[in-house]
Amino acid sequence: MLNLISIILVTITSLLWVISTRSYCEIYTKKILPAIKAYIACVLVKDYGVPQLRVARLLDMAQPAVNYIVTGRRRSKCMNLVDKCPELKSILDLYVLEIYRGALFHPCVICEKIVRNDKVLRSILNALGEEMAITNFCPGGSLSR
């Protein structure tokens, strides 16, 4: 009976831990990706002179949102994430150049670059104040560490 109770307690504790921790994909799509898109939009419009409508279509955003980001009327809550992580900024600067030269924006490309560089990944998670076990990342199977 005592063993059964301890097994149940361990199972409940494990389930609560799984429920309370967020996956990297959730953190990426809710916190990191909006900051990345905002940074890319700013650089494309301000530095490369790409029209806002084209940037909006490239990044799958509304043109008014691009305008608000570029003019500074709206900032992603995590926009300073790029400022806090110079390694991320250098990755994004290279990716912006690829986009400017004709590559399509795909969020998974940046995600893979971040996850493959442990230093960048850890600095981003620290800047966001996120604690997570770094294990298997992409449930789609395209990326696992």
N, C-alpha and C. Protein backbone atom coordinates (compact mmCIF):
# COMPACT_ATOMS: atom_id res chain seq x y z
N MET A 1 0.82 -1.19 0.00
CA MET A 1 0.00 0.00 0.00
C MET A 1 0.87 1.26 0.00
N LEU A 2 1.92 1.23 0.80
CA LEU A 2 2.83 2.37 0.88
C LEU A 2 3.51 2.60 -0.47
N ASN A 3 3.92 1.51 -1.14
CA ASN A 3 4.55 1.65 -2.46
C ASN A 3 3.58 2.25 -3.47
N LEU A 4 2.34 1.86 -3.41
CA LEU A 4 1.34 2.39 -4.34
C LEU A 4 1.14 3.89 -4.13
N ILE A 5 1.10 4.31 -2.88
CA ILE A 5 0.95 5.74 -2.57
C ILE A 5 2.17 6.52 -3.05
N SER A 6 3.35 6.00 -2.84
CA SER A 6 4.55 6.71 -3.29
C SER A 6 4.61 6.77 -4.82
N ILE A 7 4.17 5.73 -5.50
CA ILE A 7 4.14 5.74 -6.96
C ILE A 7 3.15 6.80 -7.46
N ILE A 8 2.00 6.88 -6.81
CA ILE A 8 1.00 7.87 -7.19
C ILE A 8 1.53 9.29 -6.97
N LEU A 9 2.21 9.52 -5.84
CA LEU A 9 2.77 10.84 -5.56
C LEU A 9 3.85 11.22 -6.57
N VAL A 10 4.70 10.29 -6.93
CA VAL A 10 5.73 10.56 -7.93
C VAL A 10 5.09 10.88 -9.28
N THR A 11 4.07 10.15 -9.65
CA THR A 11 3.38 10.39 -10.92
C THR A 11 2.72 11.76 -10.93
N ILE A 12 2.06 12.12 -9.86
CA ILE A 12 1.40 13.43 -9.78
C ILE A 12 2.44 14.54 -9.82
N THR A 13 3.55 14.38 -9.10
CA THR A 13 4.61 15.38 -9.11
C THR A 13 5.18 15.54 -10.51
N SER A 14 5.41 14.44 -11.20
CA SER A 14 5.93 14.50 -12.56
C SER A 14 4.96 15.20 -13.50
N LEU A 15 3.68 14.89 -13.37
CA LEU A 15 2.68 15.54 -14.22
C LEU A 15 2.61 17.03 -13.95
N LEU A 16 2.67 17.44 -12.70
CA LEU A 16 2.65 18.86 -12.38
C LEU A 16 3.88 19.56 -12.95
N TRP A 17 5.04 18.91 -12.91
CA TRP A 17 6.25 19.52 -13.48
C TRP A 17 6.09 19.70 -14.98
N VAL A 18 5.55 18.69 -15.66
CA VAL A 18 5.37 18.77 -17.11
C VAL A 18 4.37 19.88 -17.45
N ILE A 19 3.30 20.00 -16.67
CA ILE A 19 2.29 21.02 -16.93
C ILE A 19 2.86 22.41 -16.68
N SER A 20 3.69 22.57 -15.65
CA SER A 20 4.19 23.90 -15.29
C SER A 20 5.35 24.36 -16.16
N THR A 21 6.09 23.45 -16.78
CA THR A 21 7.18 23.87 -17.64
C THR A 21 6.69 24.04 -19.06
N ARG A 22 7.26 25.00 -19.74
CA ARG A 22 6.85 25.27 -21.10
C ARG A 22 7.90 24.74 -22.05
N SER A 23 7.45 24.31 -23.19
CA SER A 23 8.38 23.79 -24.17
C SER A 23 9.11 24.94 -24.83
N TYR A 24 10.25 24.61 -25.43
CA TYR A 24 11.01 25.64 -26.14
C TYR A 24 10.19 26.21 -27.28
N CYS A 25 9.43 25.38 -27.97
CA CYS A 25 8.62 25.87 -29.10
C CYS A 25 7.61 26.92 -28.64
N GLU A 26 7.04 26.72 -27.47
CA GLU A 26 6.08 27.69 -26.95
C GLU A 26 6.79 29.01 -26.61
N ILE A 27 7.93 28.92 -25.98
CA ILE A 27 8.70 30.12 -25.65
C ILE A 27 9.13 30.82 -26.94
N TYR A 28 9.57 30.05 -27.92
CA TYR A 28 10.03 30.62 -29.19
C TYR A 28 8.91 31.37 -29.90
N THR A 29 7.74 30.75 -30.03
CA THR A 29 6.66 31.38 -30.80
C THR A 29 6.01 32.54 -30.07
N LYS A 30 5.99 32.50 -28.74
CA LYS A 30 5.31 33.56 -28.00
C LYS A 30 6.22 34.72 -27.60
N LYS A 31 7.50 34.45 -27.38
CA LYS A 31 8.38 35.51 -26.88
C LYS A 31 9.52 35.86 -27.84
N ILE A 32 10.15 34.85 -28.40
CA ILE A 32 11.35 35.11 -29.21
C ILE A 32 10.98 35.54 -30.62
N LEU A 33 10.07 34.83 -31.27
CA LEU A 33 9.72 35.11 -32.66
C LEU A 33 9.16 36.52 -32.87
N PRO A 34 8.28 37.04 -32.01
CA PRO A 34 7.82 38.42 -32.22
C PRO A 34 8.96 39.44 -32.18
N ALA A 35 9.92 39.23 -31.28
CA ALA A 35 11.07 40.14 -31.21
C ALA A 35 11.93 40.01 -32.47
N ILE A 36 12.10 38.80 -32.97
CA ILE A 36 12.88 38.57 -34.18
C ILE A 36 12.22 39.23 -35.37
N LYS A 37 10.92 39.04 -35.51
CA LYS A 37 10.19 39.66 -36.63
C LYS A 37 10.28 41.18 -36.56
N ALA A 38 10.13 41.74 -35.38
CA ALA A 38 10.20 43.19 -35.22
C ALA A 38 11.59 43.70 -35.60
N TYR A 39 12.62 43.01 -35.17
CA TYR A 39 13.98 43.42 -35.50
C TYR A 39 14.23 43.34 -37.00
N ILE A 40 13.82 42.24 -37.61
CA ILE A 40 14.01 42.07 -39.05
C ILE A 40 13.24 43.15 -39.81
N ALA A 41 12.02 43.45 -39.40
CA ALA A 41 11.22 44.49 -40.06
C ALA A 41 11.92 45.84 -39.98
N CYS A 42 12.43 46.19 -38.81
CA CYS A 42 13.14 47.47 -38.65
C CYS A 42 14.35 47.55 -39.55
N VAL A 43 15.15 46.51 -39.56
CA VAL A 43 16.38 46.53 -40.35
C VAL A 43 16.07 46.59 -41.85
N LEU A 44 15.11 45.79 -42.29
CA LEU A 44 14.77 45.80 -43.72
C LEU A 44 14.27 47.17 -44.17
N VAL A 45 13.41 47.79 -43.36
CA VAL A 45 12.85 49.08 -43.75
C VAL A 45 13.87 50.21 -43.59
N LYS A 46 14.50 50.28 -42.43
CA LYS A 46 15.39 51.41 -42.15
C LYS A 46 16.75 51.31 -42.85
N ASP A 47 17.36 50.14 -42.82
CA ASP A 47 18.71 50.00 -43.37
C ASP A 47 18.75 49.66 -44.85
N TYR A 48 17.79 48.86 -45.29
CA TYR A 48 17.81 48.40 -46.68
C TYR A 48 16.77 49.10 -47.56
N GLY A 49 15.90 49.91 -46.97
CA GLY A 49 14.93 50.66 -47.74
C GLY A 49 13.83 49.82 -48.39
N VAL A 50 13.56 48.66 -47.84
CA VAL A 50 12.51 47.80 -48.38
C VAL A 50 11.15 48.40 -47.97
N PRO A 51 10.20 48.50 -48.90
CA PRO A 51 8.89 49.06 -48.54
C PRO A 51 8.18 48.24 -47.45
N GLN A 52 7.44 48.94 -46.62
CA GLN A 52 6.76 48.29 -45.50
C GLN A 52 5.80 47.20 -45.94
N LEU A 53 5.10 47.41 -47.04
CA LEU A 53 4.16 46.40 -47.51
C LEU A 53 4.88 45.11 -47.90
N ARG A 54 6.03 45.25 -48.55
CA ARG A 54 6.82 44.06 -48.93
C ARG A 54 7.33 43.34 -47.68
N VAL A 55 7.79 44.11 -46.70
CA VAL A 55 8.27 43.52 -45.45
C VAL A 55 7.13 42.79 -44.75
N ALA A 56 5.95 43.40 -44.74
CA ALA A 56 4.79 42.77 -44.10
C ALA A 56 4.48 41.44 -44.76
N ARG A 57 4.54 41.41 -46.08
CA ARG A 57 4.25 40.16 -46.79
C ARG A 57 5.34 39.12 -46.55
N LEU A 58 6.60 39.55 -46.52
CA LEU A 58 7.70 38.61 -46.27
C LEU A 58 7.61 37.97 -44.89
N LEU A 59 7.22 38.77 -43.91
CA LEU A 59 7.21 38.30 -42.52
C LEU A 59 5.84 37.83 -42.05
N ASP A 60 4.86 37.81 -42.96
CA ASP A 60 3.50 37.40 -42.63
C ASP A 60 2.95 38.25 -41.49
N MET A 61 3.03 39.56 -41.68
CA MET A 61 2.53 40.53 -40.71
C MET A 61 1.59 41.49 -41.43
N ALA A 62 0.82 42.22 -40.67
CA ALA A 62 -0.01 43.29 -41.24
C ALA A 62 0.88 44.51 -41.48
N GLN A 63 0.64 45.23 -42.54
CA GLN A 63 1.45 46.41 -42.85
C GLN A 63 1.37 47.46 -41.74
N PRO A 64 0.19 47.72 -41.14
CA PRO A 64 0.17 48.68 -40.03
C PRO A 64 1.05 48.25 -38.85
N ALA A 65 1.13 46.96 -38.61
CA ALA A 65 2.00 46.48 -37.53
C ALA A 65 3.45 46.79 -37.84
N VAL A 66 3.85 46.60 -39.09
CA VAL A 66 5.22 46.93 -39.50
C VAL A 66 5.45 48.43 -39.31
N ASN A 67 4.48 49.23 -39.70
CA ASN A 67 4.60 50.68 -39.54
C ASN A 67 4.76 51.06 -38.08
N TYR A 68 3.95 50.48 -37.21
CA TYR A 68 4.04 50.78 -35.79
C TYR A 68 5.40 50.39 -35.22
N ILE A 69 5.92 49.24 -35.65
CA ILE A 69 7.22 48.78 -35.16
C ILE A 69 8.33 49.70 -35.65
N VAL A 70 8.30 50.04 -36.93
CA VAL A 70 9.37 50.85 -37.53
C VAL A 70 9.37 52.26 -36.96
N THR A 71 8.19 52.83 -36.77
CA THR A 71 8.12 54.21 -36.25
C THR A 71 8.29 54.27 -34.73
N GLY A 72 8.30 53.12 -34.08
CA GLY A 72 8.52 53.09 -32.64
C GLY A 72 7.26 53.26 -31.82
N ARG A 73 6.11 53.24 -32.45
CA ARG A 73 4.86 53.38 -31.70
C ARG A 73 4.49 52.10 -30.96
N ARG A 74 5.01 51.00 -31.42
CA ARG A 74 4.72 49.72 -30.77
C ARG A 74 5.99 48.89 -30.75
N ARG A 75 6.28 48.33 -29.60
CA ARG A 75 7.43 47.45 -29.48
C ARG A 75 6.97 46.13 -28.89
N SER A 76 7.59 45.07 -29.38
CA SER A 76 7.33 43.77 -28.79
C SER A 76 7.80 43.82 -27.34
N LYS A 77 7.10 43.12 -26.46
CA LYS A 77 7.49 43.11 -25.05
C LYS A 77 8.93 42.62 -24.88
N CYS A 78 9.36 41.78 -25.79
CA CYS A 78 10.70 41.21 -25.69
C CYS A 78 11.65 41.80 -26.73
N MET A 79 11.31 42.97 -27.28
CA MET A 79 12.14 43.56 -28.33
C MET A 79 13.56 43.80 -27.84
N ASN A 80 13.73 44.13 -26.59
CA ASN A 80 15.07 44.35 -26.07
C ASN A 80 15.87 43.05 -25.96
N LEU A 81 15.23 41.93 -26.25
CA LEU A 81 15.91 40.64 -26.26
C LEU A 81 17.07 40.66 -27.25
N VAL A 82 16.86 41.23 -28.41
CA VAL A 82 17.91 41.30 -29.43
C VAL A 82 19.05 42.18 -28.94
N ASP A 83 18.73 43.26 -28.24
CA ASP A 83 19.76 44.14 -27.69
C ASP A 83 20.57 43.46 -26.59
N LYS A 84 19.91 42.59 -25.82
CA LYS A 84 20.59 41.90 -24.72
C LYS A 84 21.49 40.76 -25.20
N CYS A 85 21.25 40.26 -26.40
CA CYS A 85 21.99 39.10 -26.90
C CYS A 85 22.71 39.45 -28.21
N PRO A 86 23.94 39.93 -28.11
CA PRO A 86 24.67 40.31 -29.33
C PRO A 86 24.89 39.14 -30.29
N GLU A 87 24.98 37.93 -29.76
CA GLU A 87 25.14 36.76 -30.63
C GLU A 87 23.89 36.55 -31.49
N LEU A 88 22.71 36.76 -30.89
CA LEU A 88 21.47 36.65 -31.64
C LEU A 88 21.40 37.74 -32.70
N LYS A 89 21.84 38.94 -32.35
CA LYS A 89 21.82 40.05 -33.29
C LYS A 89 22.69 39.75 -34.51
N SER A 90 23.84 39.14 -34.29
CA SER A 90 24.72 38.81 -35.44
C SER A 90 24.09 37.73 -36.31
N ILE A 91 23.41 36.75 -35.70
CA ILE A 91 22.70 35.72 -36.48
C ILE A 91 21.60 36.38 -37.31
N LEU A 92 20.86 37.28 -36.69
CA LEU A 92 19.76 37.94 -37.38
C LEU A 92 20.25 38.87 -38.48
N ASP A 93 21.35 39.54 -38.26
CA ASP A 93 21.89 40.43 -39.30
C ASP A 93 22.26 39.65 -40.56
N LEU A 94 22.85 38.48 -40.38
CA LEU A 94 23.16 37.64 -41.54
C LEU A 94 21.89 37.13 -42.22
N TYR A 95 20.88 36.80 -41.42
CA TYR A 95 19.63 36.30 -41.98
C TYR A 95 18.87 37.41 -42.72
N VAL A 96 18.93 38.63 -42.19
CA VAL A 96 18.29 39.77 -42.86
C VAL A 96 18.93 39.98 -44.23
N LEU A 97 20.23 39.85 -44.31
CA LEU A 97 20.92 39.99 -45.60
C LEU A 97 20.45 38.91 -46.58
N GLU A 98 20.28 37.69 -46.10
CA GLU A 98 19.76 36.61 -46.95
C GLU A 98 18.34 36.94 -47.44
N ILE A 99 17.51 37.46 -46.56
CA ILE A 99 16.15 37.84 -46.94
C ILE A 99 16.19 38.96 -47.97
N TYR A 100 17.04 39.93 -47.74
CA TYR A 100 17.16 41.05 -48.68
C TYR A 100 17.59 40.57 -50.06
N ARG A 101 18.42 39.54 -50.08
CA ARG A 101 18.90 39.01 -51.37
C ARG A 101 17.92 38.04 -52.01
N GLY A 102 16.77 37.81 -51.38
CA GLY A 102 15.74 37.01 -52.01
C GLY A 102 15.28 35.76 -51.29
N ALA A 103 15.92 35.41 -50.19
CA ALA A 103 15.49 34.22 -49.44
C ALA A 103 14.15 34.50 -48.77
N LEU A 104 13.37 33.47 -48.60
CA LEU A 104 12.09 33.60 -47.92
C LEU A 104 12.30 33.49 -46.41
N PHE A 105 11.48 34.22 -45.67
CA PHE A 105 11.54 34.15 -44.21
C PHE A 105 10.88 32.87 -43.76
N HIS A 106 11.58 32.11 -42.96
CA HIS A 106 11.01 30.91 -42.37
C HIS A 106 11.46 30.84 -40.91
N PRO A 107 10.54 30.89 -39.96
CA PRO A 107 10.90 30.92 -38.55
C PRO A 107 11.77 29.75 -38.10
N CYS A 108 11.59 28.58 -38.72
CA CYS A 108 12.35 27.40 -38.30
C CYS A 108 13.84 27.54 -38.60
N VAL A 109 14.19 28.30 -39.62
CA VAL A 109 15.61 28.50 -39.96
C VAL A 109 16.32 29.20 -38.81
N ILE A 110 15.71 30.25 -38.30
CA ILE A 110 16.32 30.98 -37.18
C ILE A 110 16.32 30.11 -35.93
N CYS A 111 15.23 29.40 -35.70
CA CYS A 111 15.14 28.52 -34.54
C CYS A 111 16.28 27.51 -34.55
N GLU A 112 16.52 26.89 -35.69
CA GLU A 112 17.60 25.90 -35.79
C GLU A 112 18.96 26.54 -35.51
N LYS A 113 19.18 27.75 -36.01
CA LYS A 113 20.46 28.43 -35.78
C LYS A 113 20.64 28.74 -34.29
N ILE A 114 19.56 29.11 -33.63
CA ILE A 114 19.63 29.41 -32.21
C ILE A 114 19.89 28.15 -31.40
N VAL A 115 19.15 27.10 -31.69
CA VAL A 115 19.26 25.87 -30.90
C VAL A 115 20.61 25.20 -31.10
N ARG A 116 21.16 25.30 -32.28
CA ARG A 116 22.46 24.66 -32.54
C ARG A 116 23.63 25.39 -31.88
N ASN A 117 23.42 26.63 -31.46
CA ASN A 117 24.44 27.40 -30.78
C ASN A 117 24.06 27.51 -29.31
N ASP A 118 24.66 26.68 -28.49
CA ASP A 118 24.29 26.58 -27.09
C ASP A 118 24.45 27.91 -26.35
N LYS A 119 25.48 28.67 -26.69
CA LYS A 119 25.72 29.95 -26.02
C LYS A 119 24.58 30.93 -26.31
N VAL A 120 24.15 30.99 -27.55
CA VAL A 120 23.04 31.87 -27.93
C VAL A 120 21.75 31.43 -27.24
N LEU A 121 21.49 30.14 -27.29
CA LEU A 121 20.27 29.61 -26.67
C LEU A 121 20.21 29.95 -25.19
N ARG A 122 21.30 29.70 -24.49
CA ARG A 122 21.31 29.97 -23.05
C ARG A 122 21.20 31.46 -22.74
N SER A 123 21.84 32.31 -23.54
CA SER A 123 21.75 33.75 -23.29
C SER A 123 20.33 34.26 -23.53
N ILE A 124 19.64 33.71 -24.54
CA ILE A 124 18.25 34.10 -24.79
C ILE A 124 17.36 33.67 -23.64
N LEU A 125 17.49 32.42 -23.21
CA LEU A 125 16.66 31.92 -22.12
C LEU A 125 16.93 32.69 -20.83
N ASN A 126 18.20 33.03 -20.58
CA ASN A 126 18.53 33.82 -19.39
C ASN A 126 17.93 35.22 -19.48
N ALA A 127 18.01 35.84 -20.67
CA ALA A 127 17.46 37.19 -20.85
C ALA A 127 15.95 37.19 -20.64
N LEU A 128 15.30 36.10 -21.00
CA LEU A 128 13.85 36.00 -20.82
C LEU A 128 13.47 35.53 -19.42
N GLY A 129 14.45 35.06 -18.65
CA GLY A 129 14.16 34.54 -17.32
C GLY A 129 13.46 33.20 -17.38
N GLU A 130 13.72 32.44 -18.42
CA GLU A 130 13.08 31.13 -18.59
C GLU A 130 14.00 30.03 -18.10
N GLU A 131 13.43 29.12 -17.36
CA GLU A 131 14.14 27.94 -16.90
C GLU A 131 13.55 26.75 -17.62
N MET A 132 14.39 25.97 -18.26
CA MET A 132 13.88 24.76 -18.89
C MET A 132 15.01 23.78 -19.10
N ALA A 133 14.65 22.54 -19.10
CA ALA A 133 15.62 21.51 -19.40
C ALA A 133 15.81 21.51 -20.91
N ILE A 134 17.05 21.63 -21.33
CA ILE A 134 17.34 21.69 -22.75
C ILE A 134 17.57 20.26 -23.25
N THR A 135 16.53 19.71 -23.88
CA THR A 135 16.63 18.34 -24.36
C THR A 135 16.16 18.26 -25.80
N ASN A 136 14.97 17.78 -26.02
CA ASN A 136 14.44 17.60 -27.36
C ASN A 136 13.62 18.82 -27.74
N PHE A 137 13.88 19.40 -28.90
CA PHE A 137 13.28 20.69 -29.21
C PHE A 137 12.12 20.66 -30.17
N CYS A 138 12.27 20.07 -31.31
CA CYS A 138 11.25 20.22 -32.34
C CYS A 138 10.37 18.98 -32.36
N PRO A 139 9.10 19.10 -31.94
CA PRO A 139 8.23 17.93 -31.94
C PRO A 139 7.97 17.40 -33.35
N GLY A 140 8.18 18.22 -34.36
CA GLY A 140 8.01 17.79 -35.74
C GLY A 140 9.11 16.84 -36.17
N GLY A 141 10.15 16.75 -35.39
CA GLY A 141 11.22 15.81 -35.67
C GLY A 141 12.36 16.36 -36.52
N SER A 142 12.23 17.60 -37.01
CA SER A 142 13.27 18.14 -37.86
C SER A 142 14.48 18.59 -37.08
N LEU A 143 14.30 18.81 -35.79
CA LEU A 143 15.40 19.31 -34.99
C LEU A 143 15.36 18.70 -33.60
N SER A 144 16.35 17.93 -33.27
CA SER A 144 16.48 17.44 -31.91
C SER A 144 17.95 17.46 -31.58
N ARG A 145 18.23 17.75 -30.35
CA ARG A 145 19.63 17.91 -29.94
C ARG A 145 20.24 16.57 -29.62
